[in-house]
Amino acid sequence: MVGTILQAVALGKLAGALGAGIVAIAAAFGIGKLAQYTMEASARQPEISGGLRTTAIIIGALIEGVCLFGVIVCLLAVLQS
């Protein structure tokens, strides 16, 4: 009985740690795609590159905010279990 509970706790900590890693990797992938498409769009229409840059910075900040919340939730899951 005690061994099963300890295994569940260990599994919960592992899941939280993996979740935090997946959130961070997904955010990095999303920001990379954002930068890629922003560069492509500014290469096609250089006259709107300033507006694209501003929009990309705002979207990048929103992605980072969601990533931060996701990592905090996962790490809280690790600390709670």
C-alpha atoms as a PDB file:
ATOM      1  CA  MET A   1       0.000   0.000   0.000  1.00  0.00           C
ATOM      2  CA  VAL A   2       2.727   2.481   0.984  1.00  0.00           C
ATOM      3  CA  GLY A   3       4.824   1.454  -2.012  1.00  0.00           C
ATOM      4  CA  THR A   4       1.923   2.155  -4.359  1.00  0.00           C
ATOM      5  CA  ILE A   5       1.432   5.620  -2.870  1.00  0.00           C
ATOM      6  CA  LEU A   6       5.138   6.394  -3.218  1.00  0.00           C
ATOM      7  CA  GLN A   7       5.064   5.246  -6.832  1.00  0.00           C
ATOM      8  CA  ALA A   8       2.064   7.500  -7.505  1.00  0.00           C
ATOM      9  CA  VAL A   9       3.870  10.457  -5.945  1.00  0.00           C
ATOM     10  CA  ALA A  10       6.982   9.773  -7.998  1.00  0.00           C
ATOM     11  CA  LEU A  11       4.892   9.432 -11.142  1.00  0.00           C
ATOM     12  CA  GLY A  12       3.176  12.741 -10.381  1.00  0.00           C
ATOM     13  CA  LYS A  13       6.513  14.490  -9.996  1.00  0.00           C
ATOM     14  CA  LEU A  14       7.788  12.961 -13.215  1.00  0.00           C
ATOM     15  CA  ALA A  15       4.649  14.028 -15.083  1.00  0.00           C
ATOM     16  CA  GLY A  16       4.948  17.583 -13.773  1.00  0.00           C
ATOM     17  CA  ALA A  17       8.596  17.816 -14.786  1.00  0.00           C
ATOM     18  CA  LEU A  18       7.892  16.414 -18.250  1.00  0.00           C
ATOM     19  CA  GLY A  19       4.957  18.789 -18.614  1.00  0.00           C
ATOM     20  CA  ALA A  20       7.159  21.783 -17.802  1.00  0.00           C
ATOM     21  CA  GLY A  21       9.686  20.654 -20.408  1.00  0.00           C
ATOM     22  CA  ILE A  22       7.021  20.128 -23.047  1.00  0.00           C
ATOM     23  CA  VAL A  23       5.539  23.573 -22.378  1.00  0.00           C
ATOM     24  CA  ALA A  24       8.959  25.217 -22.722  1.00  0.00           C
ATOM     25  CA  ILE A  25       9.765  23.345 -25.949  1.00  0.00           C
ATOM     26  CA  ALA A  26       6.343  24.166 -27.434  1.00  0.00           C
ATOM     27  CA  ALA A  27       6.776  27.858 -26.609  1.00  0.00           C
ATOM     28  CA  ALA A  28      10.232  27.893 -28.199  1.00  0.00           C
ATOM     29  CA  PHE A  29       8.823  26.223 -31.315  1.00  0.00           C
ATOM     30  CA  GLY A  30       5.966  28.740 -31.476  1.00  0.00           C
ATOM     31  CA  ILE A  31       8.254  31.743 -31.125  1.00  0.00           C
ATOM     32  CA  GLY A  32      10.585  30.294 -33.753  1.00  0.00           C
ATOM     33  CA  LYS A  33       7.693  29.938 -36.192  1.00  0.00           C
ATOM     34  CA  LEU A  34       6.567  33.462 -35.339  1.00  0.00           C
ATOM     35  CA  ALA A  35      10.029  34.834 -36.123  1.00  0.00           C
ATOM     36  CA  GLN A  36      10.247  32.789 -39.321  1.00  0.00           C
ATOM     37  CA  TYR A  37       6.976  34.052 -40.714  1.00  0.00           C
ATOM     38  CA  THR A  38       7.664  37.616 -39.597  1.00  0.00           C
ATOM     39  CA  MET A  39      10.981  37.603 -41.447  1.00  0.00           C
ATOM     40  CA  GLU A  40       9.362  36.128 -44.555  1.00  0.00           C
ATOM     41  CA  ALA A  41       6.609  38.736 -44.519  1.00  0.00           C
ATOM     42  CA  SER A  42       9.030  41.621 -43.995  1.00  0.00           C
ATOM     43  CA  ALA A  43      11.200  40.332 -46.852  1.00  0.00           C
ATOM     44  CA  ARG A  44       8.182  40.300 -49.158  1.00  0.00           C
ATOM     45  CA  GLN A  45       6.917  43.734 -48.093  1.00  0.00           C
ATOM     46  CA  PRO A  46       9.718  45.759 -46.476  1.00  0.00           C
ATOM     47  CA  GLU A  47       7.516  48.840 -46.087  1.00  0.00           C
ATOM     48  CA  ILE A  48       5.408  47.202 -43.365  1.00  0.00           C
ATOM     49  CA  SER A  49       8.294  45.654 -41.434  1.00  0.00           C
ATOM     50  CA  GLY A  50       7.889  48.084 -38.507  1.00  0.00           C
ATOM     51  CA  GLY A  51       4.280  47.070 -37.919  1.00  0.00           C
ATOM     52  CA  LEU A  52       5.151  43.414 -38.302  1.00  0.00           C
ATOM     53  CA  ARG A  53       7.956  43.730 -35.782  1.00  0.00           C
ATOM     54  CA  THR A  54       5.656  45.372 -33.242  1.00  0.00           C
ATOM     55  CA  THR A  55       2.998  42.712 -33.742  1.00  0.00           C
ATOM     56  CA  ALA A  56       5.585  39.926 -33.458  1.00  0.00           C
ATOM     57  CA  ILE A  57       6.930  41.339 -30.183  1.00  0.00           C
ATOM     58  CA  ILE A  58       3.414  41.512 -28.716  1.00  0.00           C
ATOM     59  CA  ILE A  59       2.552  37.979 -29.823  1.00  0.00           C
ATOM     60  CA  GLY A  60       5.908  36.700 -28.569  1.00  0.00           C
ATOM     61  CA  ALA A  61       5.236  38.255 -25.159  1.00  0.00           C
ATOM     62  CA  LEU A  62       1.820  36.585 -25.034  1.00  0.00           C
ATOM     63  CA  ILE A  63       3.368  33.210 -25.903  1.00  0.00           C
ATOM     64  CA  GLU A  64       5.980  33.679 -23.177  1.00  0.00           C
ATOM     65  CA  GLY A  65       3.250  34.563 -20.683  1.00  0.00           C
ATOM     66  CA  VAL A  66       1.320  31.391 -21.449  1.00  0.00           C
ATOM     67  CA  CYS A  67       4.543  29.391 -21.205  1.00  0.00           C
ATOM     68  CA  LEU A  68       5.305  30.931 -17.824  1.00  0.00           C
ATOM     69  CA  PHE A  69       1.870  30.001 -16.487  1.00  0.00           C
ATOM     70  CA  GLY A  70       2.211  26.469 -17.865  1.00  0.00           C
ATOM     71  CA  VAL A  71       5.614  25.949 -16.294  1.00  0.00           C
ATOM     72  CA  ILE A  72       4.410  27.343 -12.960  1.00  0.00           C
ATOM     73  CA  VAL A  73       1.407  24.993 -12.959  1.00  0.00           C
ATOM     74  CA  CYS A  74       3.627  22.017 -13.759  1.00  0.00           C
ATOM     75  CA  LEU A  75       6.164  22.921 -11.100  1.00  0.00           C
ATOM     76  CA  LEU A  76       3.400  23.418  -8.544  1.00  0.00           C
ATOM     77  CA  ALA A  77       2.228  19.926  -9.419  1.00  0.00           C
ATOM     78  CA  VAL A  78       5.748  18.667  -8.706  1.00  0.00           C
ATOM     79  CA  LEU A  79       5.875  20.471  -5.350  1.00  0.00           C
ATOM     80  CA  GLN A  80       2.377  19.384  -4.301  1.00  0.00           C
ATOM     81  CA  SER A  81       2.864  15.688  -4.959  1.00  0.00           C
END
